[in-house]
């Protein structure tokens, strides 16, 4: 590192001798260059060494001149030339060393930030951090203790394998909340160490406090003296470690919060999706329930308006319309009751008779079959618009109807009547009449004779008469 500056120094000495070796030669000022060169490339020690060599090489020329003429102005200038290269080399080297040390600390701090921000387990991150700290401070051993709100503190050390001893410097720092600097751990009354063979053991224990309370301890141990610059660097590093650990905790907390928020948003989205699905199903059911009485009202009113009917038949039509109107009113009342329940108002409950035939399902059919209540019949009003939930095989086998009438809306969204039900009715030879295809279906009987008419294309037509 100093070979080139020394070669330049030798060349300058030769040039000075070639000029005659006068102590006031202008060449003597160039002796500053090798010392500064060595200082900037190799540090303060190299700069001081090359500067001293420059003084030694000038001494045989300057000192004899002083002996001959005394301390004249030129002699004093020569003495200054002897000392200046060493001083300038030492100062320039010191400035260079301080700058390089600051750059190394900055690089170490950036590396610590990067390590702590990595997406790795905390133990792995802390282990990488202690190696960076040891290299930056030139320490023999480094220990790092970081408190954890969810369990015991995390400990990392280099050399590895160290633990948080109760009487150690790190434990003392955690207990007191302050830092400590010991000139020899073996004789320090605040701590107890097992190994005293390598005394003196210089050490510092510094809290990782970034202003929000101590988050842990940085413990550093050296062999030999610790300069004030190194001690300040350790203190500065502990402060930055405290900030980095706090940032790492905040980042971890933010990730957990983001994960919890994502889960809650997903749950809320799924719940909203279920609510929307239930709402759609509810609207579909309500529209179906409303369509049935409205279709009946439209059909009977069309009959009354489109053709003359006898008073008796008109009265029967009006009776059907009144029944369907009451059914429509009951549906609207139930919807209003549902709205009251949603806003916290108790609905008005009343007793009403219901037509069980409209609600016959498989279980009821099975119960009626087991009770022997099902007898063969000529006319079967198929339950629930021909839904697959009723009109079972056993039920049809017992009833064996001649006619099966299905009340169903045209092009309904439920697919009524069900294809399986239609096939079962066909297997038992029933003539199927549907309100969506045949219009109004009328069954007349005097208890001896039975006729079935359908009102389609604006006129009634006799389907079949049974005697």
Protein backbone atom coordinates (compact mmCIF):
# COMPACT_ATOMS: atom_id res chain seq x y z
CA UNK A 1 0.00 0.00 0.00
CA UNK A 2 2.90 2.41 0.70
CA UNK A 3 5.33 1.11 -1.95
CA UNK A 4 4.41 3.72 -4.54
CA UNK A 5 4.58 6.68 -2.09
CA UNK A 6 8.00 5.47 -0.86
CA UNK A 7 9.25 5.20 -4.44
CA UNK A 8 8.11 8.75 -5.09
CA UNK A 9 9.89 9.82 -1.92
CA UNK A 10 13.14 8.26 -3.08
CA UNK A 11 12.79 9.96 -6.47
CA UNK A 12 12.25 13.34 -4.81
CA UNK A 13 15.35 12.82 -2.63
CA UNK A 14 17.42 11.99 -5.69
CA UNK A 15 16.16 15.11 -7.45
CA UNK A 16 17.03 17.24 -4.44
CA UNK A 17 20.56 15.78 -4.34
CA UNK A 18 20.96 16.35 -8.09
CA UNK A 19 20.19 20.04 -7.51
CA UNK A 20 23.03 20.24 -5.00
CA UNK A 21 21.24 19.33 -1.75
CA UNK A 22 20.40 22.88 -0.72
CA UNK A 23 18.02 22.88 2.30
CA UNK A 24 15.96 25.67 0.71
CA UNK A 25 15.46 23.81 -2.57
CA UNK A 26 11.91 24.13 -3.99
CA UNK A 27 11.81 20.35 -4.28
CA UNK A 28 11.45 20.08 -0.50
CA UNK A 29 7.79 21.16 -0.73
CA UNK A 30 7.04 18.13 -2.89
CA UNK A 31 7.94 15.87 0.07
CA UNK A 32 4.38 16.51 1.33
CA UNK A 33 2.91 14.56 -1.59
CA UNK A 34 4.07 11.01 -0.65
CA UNK A 35 2.78 11.34 2.93
CA UNK A 36 -0.64 12.59 1.82
CA UNK A 37 -0.77 9.91 -0.87
CA UNK A 38 -0.05 7.16 1.65
CA UNK A 39 -2.56 8.67 4.10
CA UNK A 40 -5.36 8.71 1.56
CA UNK A 41 -4.69 5.16 0.36
CA UNK A 42 -3.71 3.35 3.58
CA UNK A 43 -4.74 5.49 6.53
CA UNK A 44 -3.17 7.53 9.33
CA UNK A 45 -0.40 5.08 10.25
CA UNK A 46 0.82 4.78 6.66
CA UNK A 47 0.65 8.55 6.19
CA UNK A 48 2.62 9.21 9.37
CA UNK A 49 5.18 6.56 8.46
CA UNK A 50 5.81 7.93 4.97
CA UNK A 51 5.91 11.46 6.40
CA UNK A 52 8.57 10.43 8.92
CA UNK A 53 10.57 8.80 6.15
CA UNK A 54 10.36 12.08 4.25
CA UNK A 55 11.76 13.88 7.28
CA UNK A 56 14.56 11.35 7.74
CA UNK A 57 15.58 11.68 4.09
CA UNK A 58 15.70 15.46 4.36
CA UNK A 59 17.56 15.49 7.69
CA UNK A 60 21.08 14.80 6.23
CA UNK A 61 20.61 17.88 4.05
CA UNK A 62 18.97 20.23 6.53
CA UNK A 63 20.81 19.54 9.81
CA UNK A 64 24.40 20.09 8.45
CA UNK A 65 23.27 23.44 7.03
CA UNK A 66 21.98 24.46 10.46
CA UNK A 67 25.34 23.53 12.01
CA UNK A 68 27.18 25.67 9.48
CA UNK A 69 25.03 28.84 9.42
CA UNK A 70 22.87 28.53 12.55
CA UNK A 71 19.13 29.10 12.85
CA UNK A 72 18.61 31.41 9.97
CA UNK A 73 15.33 31.87 8.12
CA UNK A 74 16.27 29.24 5.57
CA UNK A 75 17.33 26.81 8.32
CA UNK A 76 14.02 27.24 10.15
CA UNK A 77 12.19 26.66 6.88
CA UNK A 78 14.16 23.44 6.48
CA UNK A 79 13.21 22.30 10.01
CA UNK A 80 9.55 22.91 9.22
CA UNK A 81 9.97 20.84 6.08
CA UNK A 82 11.25 17.96 8.24
CA UNK A 83 8.19 17.86 10.49
CA UNK A 84 5.37 18.88 8.15
CA UNK A 85 5.16 15.67 6.03
CA UNK A 86 4.64 13.49 9.12
CA UNK A 87 2.02 15.81 10.64
CA UNK A 88 0.16 16.29 7.39
CA UNK A 89 0.24 12.54 6.66
CA UNK A 90 -1.12 11.73 10.12
CA UNK A 91 -3.88 14.35 9.92
CA UNK A 92 -4.91 13.40 6.38
CA UNK A 93 -4.86 9.71 7.32
CA UNK A 94 -6.97 10.38 10.41
CA UNK A 95 -9.56 12.24 8.34
CA UNK A 96 -9.53 9.40 5.83
CA UNK A 97 -9.92 6.77 8.58
CA UNK A 98 -12.84 8.68 10.11
CA UNK A 99 -14.54 8.94 6.73
CA UNK A 100 -14.02 5.26 5.99
CA UNK A 101 -15.21 4.29 9.47
CA UNK A 102 -18.37 6.38 8.98
CA UNK A 103 -18.96 4.77 5.61
CA UNK A 104 -18.53 1.30 7.13
CA UNK A 105 -20.97 2.13 9.91
CA UNK A 106 -23.46 3.46 7.37
CA UNK A 107 -23.09 0.31 5.26
CA UNK A 108 -23.53 -1.79 8.41
CA UNK A 109 -26.67 0.12 9.40
CA UNK A 110 -28.13 -0.30 5.93
CA UNK A 111 -27.31 -4.02 6.04
CA UNK A 112 -28.95 -4.30 9.46
CA UNK A 113 -32.07 -2.58 8.10
CA UNK A 114 -32.14 -4.95 5.15
CA UNK A 115 -31.64 -8.03 7.35
CA UNK A 116 -34.34 -7.07 9.83
CA UNK A 117 -36.78 -6.26 7.02
CA UNK A 118 -36.27 -9.67 5.37
CA UNK A 119 -39.18 -12.10 5.30
CA UNK A 120 -37.42 -14.66 7.52
CA UNK A 121 -37.82 -15.99 11.05
CA UNK A 122 -36.68 -13.54 13.73
CA UNK A 123 -33.91 -15.87 14.92
CA UNK A 124 -32.36 -15.97 11.43
CA UNK A 125 -32.54 -12.18 11.10
CA UNK A 126 -30.94 -11.53 14.50
CA UNK A 127 -28.14 -14.01 13.78
CA UNK A 128 -27.29 -12.11 10.60
CA UNK A 129 -27.39 -8.79 12.49
CA UNK A 130 -24.84 -9.83 15.18
CA UNK A 131 -22.36 -10.84 12.49
CA UNK A 132 -22.73 -7.43 10.85
CA UNK A 133 -22.26 -5.64 14.20
CA UNK A 134 -19.18 -7.68 15.06
CA UNK A 135 -17.53 -6.91 11.73
CA UNK A 136 -18.31 -3.20 12.01
CA UNK A 137 -17.07 -2.72 15.59
CA UNK A 138 -14.16 -5.15 15.40
CA UNK A 139 -15.42 -6.90 18.55
CA UNK A 140 -14.46 -10.28 19.99
CA UNK A 141 -18.06 -11.21 20.82
CA UNK A 142 -21.48 -9.69 20.25
CA UNK A 143 -24.80 -10.60 21.86
CA UNK A 144 -28.24 -9.31 20.93
CA UNK A 145 -31.35 -9.73 23.08
CA UNK A 146 -34.72 -8.66 21.69
CA UNK A 147 -37.83 -8.82 23.85
CA UNK A 148 -40.96 -10.50 22.52
CA UNK A 149 -44.52 -9.72 23.69
CA UNK A 150 -45.57 -13.29 22.86
CA UNK A 151 -42.92 -15.27 24.72
CA UNK A 152 -39.33 -15.30 26.00
CA UNK A 153 -36.83 -12.86 24.50
CA UNK A 154 -34.97 -13.84 21.34
CA UNK A 155 -31.18 -14.18 21.78
CA UNK A 156 -28.50 -14.20 19.08
CA UNK A 157 -24.74 -14.19 19.57
CA UNK A 158 -21.42 -14.55 17.82
CA UNK A 159 -19.66 -16.80 18.64
CA UNK A 160 -22.95 -18.73 18.68
CA UNK A 161 -24.39 -20.63 21.62
CA UNK A 162 -24.58 -17.84 24.20
CA UNK A 163 -27.63 -17.53 26.44
CA UNK A 164 -29.04 -14.73 28.57
CA UNK A 165 -27.38 -15.40 31.96
CA UNK A 166 -29.06 -13.89 35.05
CA UNK A 167 -25.89 -12.06 36.20
CA UNK A 168 -24.63 -10.98 32.78
CA UNK A 169 -24.17 -7.44 31.54
CA UNK A 170 -27.18 -7.84 29.22
CA UNK A 171 -29.36 -8.97 32.12
CA UNK A 172 -28.19 -6.00 34.22
CA UNK A 173 -29.02 -3.65 31.35
CA UNK A 174 -32.48 -5.17 30.92
CA UNK A 175 -33.19 -4.93 34.64
CA UNK A 176 -31.94 -1.36 35.09
CA UNK A 177 -33.07 0.03 31.75
CA UNK A 178 -29.75 1.85 31.32
CA UNK A 179 -26.46 1.14 29.61
CA UNK A 180 -23.12 0.13 31.10
CA UNK A 181 -19.47 0.28 30.06
CA UNK A 182 -16.99 -1.97 31.85
CA UNK A 183 -13.20 -1.80 31.68
CA UNK A 184 -13.01 -5.43 32.83
CA UNK A 185 -15.98 -7.77 33.26
CA UNK A 186 -13.93 -10.01 35.54
CA UNK A 187 -13.66 -7.29 38.21
CA UNK A 188 -16.94 -5.46 37.63
CA UNK A 189 -19.21 -5.88 40.68
CA UNK A 190 -22.36 -5.48 38.59
CA UNK A 191 -21.83 -8.74 36.71
CA UNK A 192 -20.56 -12.25 37.29
CA UNK A 193 -18.51 -14.06 34.64
CA UNK A 194 -17.26 -17.63 34.64
CA UNK A 195 -14.21 -17.13 32.42
CA UNK A 196 -11.62 -14.75 33.92
CA UNK A 197 -8.60 -16.15 32.10
CA UNK A 198 -8.77 -13.64 29.25
CA UNK A 199 -8.83 -10.56 31.46
CA UNK A 200 -9.16 -7.67 30.83
CA UNK A 201 -12.47 -7.99 28.99
CA UNK A 202 -13.72 -4.60 27.83
CA UNK A 203 -17.47 -4.57 27.30
CA UNK A 204 -20.51 -2.39 26.70
CA UNK A 205 -24.17 -3.25 27.22
CA UNK A 206 -26.52 -0.78 25.57
CA UNK A 207 -30.35 -0.70 25.60
CA UNK A 208 -32.18 -0.77 22.27
CA UNK A 209 -34.27 2.30 23.03
CA UNK A 210 -35.64 4.33 20.15
CA UNK A 211 -37.76 6.57 22.40
CA UNK A 212 -40.65 4.18 23.09
CA UNK A 213 -38.93 2.15 25.82
CA UNK A 214 -36.21 -0.47 25.72
CA UNK A 215 -36.81 -3.24 23.19
CA UNK A 216 -33.71 -5.27 24.06
CA UNK A 217 -29.96 -5.08 24.67
CA UNK A 218 -26.85 -4.97 22.51
CA UNK A 219 -23.83 -6.44 24.35
CA UNK A 220 -20.35 -6.05 22.83
CA UNK A 221 -17.00 -7.34 24.16
CA UNK A 222 -13.46 -6.46 23.01
CA UNK A 223 -9.91 -7.53 23.80
CA UNK A 224 -7.74 -4.54 24.51
CA UNK A 225 -8.59 -0.88 24.79
CA UNK A 226 -11.75 0.56 23.29
CA UNK A 227 -11.42 3.96 21.70
CA UNK A 228 -14.00 6.66 22.23
CA UNK A 229 -14.81 6.54 18.53
CA UNK A 230 -15.58 2.83 18.77
CA UNK A 231 -17.68 3.41 21.90
CA UNK A 232 -19.65 6.15 20.13
CA UNK A 233 -20.10 3.88 17.13
CA UNK A 234 -21.49 1.12 19.40
CA UNK A 235 -23.90 3.59 21.02
CA UNK A 236 -25.02 4.87 17.64
CA UNK A 237 -25.51 1.31 16.40
CA UNK A 238 -27.62 0.42 19.46
CA UNK A 239 -29.85 3.41 18.75
CA UNK A 240 -30.29 2.41 15.12
CA UNK A 241 -30.89 -1.20 16.16
CA UNK A 242 -33.67 -0.02 18.44
CA UNK A 243 -35.26 1.85 15.52
CA UNK A 244 -34.83 -1.14 13.21
CA UNK A 245 -36.30 -3.59 15.72
CA UNK A 246 -39.26 -1.28 16.29
CA UNK A 247 -39.77 -0.98 12.53
CA UNK A 248 -39.57 -4.76 12.17
CA UNK A 249 -42.20 -5.16 14.89
CA UNK A 250 -44.45 -2.60 13.25
CA UNK A 251 -44.02 -4.35 9.91
CA UNK A 252 -44.89 -7.72 11.46
CA UNK A 253 -47.89 -6.20 13.20
CA UNK A 254 -48.98 -4.60 9.93
CA UNK A 255 -48.70 -7.93 8.12
CA UNK A 256 -50.79 -9.63 10.79
CA UNK A 257 -53.34 -6.84 10.66
CA UNK A 258 -53.46 -7.09 6.86
CA UNK A 259 -53.94 -10.87 7.06
CA UNK A 260 -56.72 -10.49 9.65
CA UNK A 261 -58.34 -7.74 7.59
CA UNK A 262 -58.17 -9.91 4.49
CA UNK A 263 -59.84 -12.78 6.35
CA UNK A 264 -62.56 -10.48 7.69
CA UNK A 265 -63.15 -8.97 4.25
CA UNK A 266 -63.35 -12.46 2.74
CA UNK A 267 -65.81 -13.53 5.44
CA UNK A 268 -67.88 -10.38 4.97
CA UNK A 269 -67.84 -10.87 1.19
CA UNK A 270 -68.98 -14.47 1.57
CA UNK A 271 -71.70 -13.40 4.01
CA UNK A 272 -72.86 -10.66 1.64
CA UNK A 273 -72.87 -13.18 -1.19
CA UNK A 274 -75.03 -15.54 0.92
CA UNK A 275 -77.34 -12.64 1.77
CA UNK A 276 -77.65 -11.69 -1.89
CA UNK A 277 -78.34 -15.32 -2.81
CA UNK A 278 -80.96 -15.62 -0.07
CA UNK A 279 -82.50 -12.34 -1.19
CA UNK A 280 -82.67 -13.56 -4.78
CA UNK A 281 -84.27 -16.83 -3.67
CA UNK A 282 -86.70 -14.95 -1.47
CA UNK A 283 -87.72 -12.63 -4.32
CA UNK A 284 -88.12 -15.63 -6.61
CA UNK A 285 -90.36 -17.41 -4.10
CA UNK A 286 -92.40 -14.27 -3.43
CA UNK A 287 -92.89 -13.63 -7.15
CA UNK A 288 -94.03 -17.22 -7.58
CA UNK A 289 -96.47 -17.00 -4.68
CA UNK A 290 -97.83 -13.69 -5.96
CA UNK A 291 -98.14 -14.91 -9.53
CA UNK A 292 -100.51 -17.79 -8.64
CA UNK A 293 -103.41 -15.73 -7.20
CA UNK A 294 -102.86 -12.94 -9.73
CA UNK A 295 -103.10 -15.46 -12.58
CA UNK A 296 -106.36 -16.80 -11.15
CA UNK A 297 -107.77 -13.29 -10.77
CA UNK A 298 -106.83 -12.43 -14.35
CA UNK A 299 -108.36 -15.67 -15.68
CA UNK A 300 -111.70 -15.33 -13.90
CA UNK A 301 -111.97 -11.62 -14.65
CA UNK A 302 -111.28 -12.33 -18.32
CA UNK A 303 -114.05 -14.93 -18.34
CA UNK A 304 -116.51 -12.49 -16.79
CA UNK A 305 -115.58 -9.75 -19.26
CA UNK A 306 -115.25 -11.77 -22.44
CA UNK A 307 -118.48 -13.78 -22.48
CA UNK A 308 -121.89 -13.90 -20.84
CA UNK A 309 -122.17 -16.29 -17.95
CA UNK A 310 -125.09 -17.36 -15.85
CA UNK A 311 -125.58 -15.73 -12.45
CA UNK A 312 -124.79 -18.99 -10.69
CA UNK A 313 -121.56 -19.41 -12.61
CA UNK A 314 -120.64 -15.77 -12.15
CA UNK A 315 -121.21 -16.15 -8.42
CA UNK A 316 -118.91 -19.19 -8.42
CA UNK A 317 -116.26 -17.25 -10.37
CA UNK A 318 -116.54 -14.35 -7.94
CA UNK A 319 -116.14 -16.78 -5.06
CA UNK A 320 -112.92 -18.05 -6.57
CA UNK A 321 -111.75 -14.49 -7.14
CA UNK A 322 -112.58 -13.60 -3.56
CA UNK A 323 -110.59 -16.58 -2.29
CA UNK A 324 -107.61 -15.69 -4.45
CA UNK A 325 -107.85 -12.05 -3.32
CA UNK A 326 -107.77 -13.16 0.30
CA UNK A 327 -104.76 -15.33 -0.50
CA UNK A 328 -103.05 -12.38 -2.16
CA UNK A 329 -103.83 -10.17 0.83
CA UNK A 330 -102.43 -12.82 3.19
CA UNK A 331 -99.16 -12.90 1.19
CA UNK A 332 -98.88 -9.12 1.34
CA UNK A 333 -99.55 -9.20 5.08
CA UNK A 334 -96.82 -11.77 5.57
CA UNK A 335 -94.40 -9.59 3.64
CA UNK A 336 -95.31 -6.66 5.85
CA UNK A 337 -94.80 -8.87 8.92
CA UNK A 338 -91.32 -9.71 7.61
CA UNK A 339 -90.55 -6.00 7.25
CA UNK A 340 -91.72 -5.42 10.81
CA UNK A 341 -89.47 -8.21 12.08
CA UNK A 342 -86.48 -6.68 10.27
CA UNK A 343 -86.99 -3.34 12.04
CA UNK A 344 -87.62 -5.01 15.41
CA UNK A 345 -91.42 -4.70 15.56
CA UNK A 346 -93.35 -7.82 16.54
CA UNK A 347 -95.85 -8.90 13.83
CA UNK A 348 -99.52 -9.41 14.53
CA UNK A 349 -100.19 -13.14 14.73
CA UNK A 350 -103.61 -14.56 13.84
CA UNK A 351 -105.05 -18.02 13.36
CA UNK A 352 -106.15 -18.95 9.87
CA UNK A 353 -107.38 -22.07 8.19
CA UNK A 354 -105.08 -23.42 5.51
CA UNK A 355 -105.66 -25.80 2.66
CA UNK A 356 -103.54 -28.82 3.50
CA UNK A 357 -104.00 -30.16 0.00
CA UNK A 358 -101.85 -27.30 -1.27
CA UNK A 359 -99.06 -28.34 1.08
CA UNK A 360 -99.05 -32.08 0.65
CA UNK A 361 -95.49 -33.37 0.42
CA UNK A 362 -93.87 -36.77 0.52
CA UNK A 363 -94.03 -37.20 4.30
CA UNK A 364 -97.69 -36.28 4.46
CA UNK A 365 -98.50 -38.55 1.53
CA UNK A 366 -96.63 -41.39 3.23
CA UNK A 367 -98.52 -40.77 6.47
CA UNK A 368 -101.88 -40.77 4.66
CA UNK A 369 -100.96 -44.02 2.89
CA UNK A 370 -99.96 -45.69 6.13
CA UNK A 371 -103.21 -44.52 7.75
CA UNK A 372 -105.28 -45.97 4.88
CA UNK A 373 -106.79 -42.59 4.01
CA UNK A 374 -105.98 -42.76 0.29
CA UNK A 375 -108.63 -44.22 -2.00
CA UNK A 376 -108.81 -44.52 -5.82
CA UNK A 377 -110.20 -41.35 -7.39
CA UNK A 378 -111.11 -39.97 -10.81
CA UNK A 379 -109.74 -36.42 -10.36
CA UNK A 380 -106.36 -35.63 -8.76
CA UNK A 381 -105.36 -32.02 -8.11
CA UNK A 382 -101.58 -32.47 -8.29
CA UNK A 383 -99.90 -30.90 -5.27
CA UNK A 384 -97.47 -27.97 -5.36
CA UNK A 385 -97.78 -27.22 -9.09
CA UNK A 386 -96.37 -30.62 -10.01
CA UNK A 387 -93.21 -30.24 -7.93
CA UNK A 388 -90.94 -33.26 -7.53
CA UNK A 389 -91.45 -33.13 -3.75
CA UNK A 390 -94.90 -34.73 -3.99
CA UNK A 391 -97.02 -37.13 -6.09
CA UNK A 392 -94.84 -40.12 -5.30
CA UNK A 393 -94.99 -43.53 -6.93
CA UNK A 394 -96.76 -45.12 -3.95
CA UNK A 395 -99.27 -42.27 -3.83
CA UNK A 396 -100.18 -42.61 -7.52
CA UNK A 397 -100.41 -46.37 -7.17
CA UNK A 398 -103.03 -45.93 -4.47
CA UNK A 399 -104.96 -43.07 -6.13
CA UNK A 400 -104.72 -44.21 -9.79
CA UNK A 401 -106.49 -41.09 -11.14
CA UNK A 402 -108.19 -40.73 -14.51
CA UNK A 403 -107.43 -36.99 -14.65
CA UNK A 404 -104.49 -35.11 -13.14
CA UNK A 405 -104.94 -31.33 -12.97
CA UNK A 406 -101.87 -29.16 -12.46
CA UNK A 407 -102.19 -25.47 -11.61
CA UNK A 408 -99.03 -23.88 -12.92
CA UNK A 409 -97.91 -20.53 -14.33
CA UNK A 410 -96.82 -20.20 -17.94
CA UNK A 411 -93.03 -20.27 -18.47
CA UNK A 412 -92.39 -20.27 -14.72
CA UNK A 413 -88.78 -20.12 -13.49
CA UNK A 414 -89.12 -23.23 -11.30
CA UNK A 415 -89.52 -25.74 -14.11
CA UNK A 416 -92.99 -26.81 -12.90
CA UNK A 417 -94.35 -29.31 -13.48
CA UNK A 418 -91.42 -31.60 -12.86
CA UNK A 419 -90.57 -34.00 -15.69
CA UNK A 420 -90.37 -37.01 -13.34
CA UNK A 421 -93.86 -36.25 -12.03
CA UNK A 422 -95.20 -36.01 -15.59
CA UNK A 423 -93.63 -39.36 -16.46
CA UNK A 424 -95.13 -41.00 -13.36
CA UNK A 425 -98.58 -39.66 -14.23
CA UNK A 426 -98.19 -40.97 -17.77
CA UNK A 427 -97.24 -44.44 -16.54
CA UNK A 428 -100.50 -44.61 -14.58
CA UNK A 429 -102.56 -43.56 -17.59
CA UNK A 430 -103.77 -40.24 -16.18
CA UNK A 431 -104.92 -37.54 -18.57
CA UNK A 432 -102.88 -34.49 -17.57
CA UNK A 433 -104.44 -31.03 -17.79
CA UNK A 434 -102.33 -27.95 -17.13
CA UNK A 435 -103.50 -24.39 -16.58
CA UNK A 436 -100.48 -23.00 -18.47
CA UNK A 437 -101.45 -24.97 -21.59
CA UNK A 438 -105.21 -25.64 -21.22
CA UNK A 439 -106.29 -22.43 -19.51
CA UNK A 440 -109.21 -22.59 -17.07
CA UNK A 441 -110.10 -26.20 -16.21
CA UNK A 442 -113.64 -26.91 -14.99
CA UNK A 443 -114.81 -30.15 -13.37
CA UNK A 444 -118.58 -30.75 -13.03
CA UNK A 445 -120.32 -33.59 -11.22
CA UNK A 446 -123.73 -34.42 -9.81
CA UNK A 447 -122.19 -37.25 -7.74
CA UNK A 448 -123.15 -39.66 -10.53
CA UNK A 449 -121.64 -38.16 -13.63
CA UNK A 450 -118.37 -36.28 -14.11
CA UNK A 451 -117.25 -33.96 -16.93
CA UNK A 452 -114.00 -32.09 -17.40
CA UNK A 453 -113.77 -28.96 -19.57
CA UNK A 454 -110.84 -26.78 -20.50
CA UNK A 455 -111.12 -23.14 -21.58
CA UNK A 456 -108.61 -22.60 -24.35
CA UNK A 457 -108.57 -20.33 -27.41
CA UNK A 458 -111.52 -18.30 -26.02
CA UNK A 459 -114.05 -21.17 -25.82
CA UNK A 460 -114.71 -24.10 -23.47
CA UNK A 461 -114.14 -27.59 -24.80
CA UNK A 462 -115.22 -30.86 -23.31
CA UNK A 463 -112.24 -33.04 -22.59
CA UNK A 464 -114.06 -36.17 -21.44
CA UNK A 465 -117.12 -37.26 -19.55
CA UNK A 466 -117.01 -40.08 -17.03
CA UNK A 467 -120.20 -41.97 -16.16
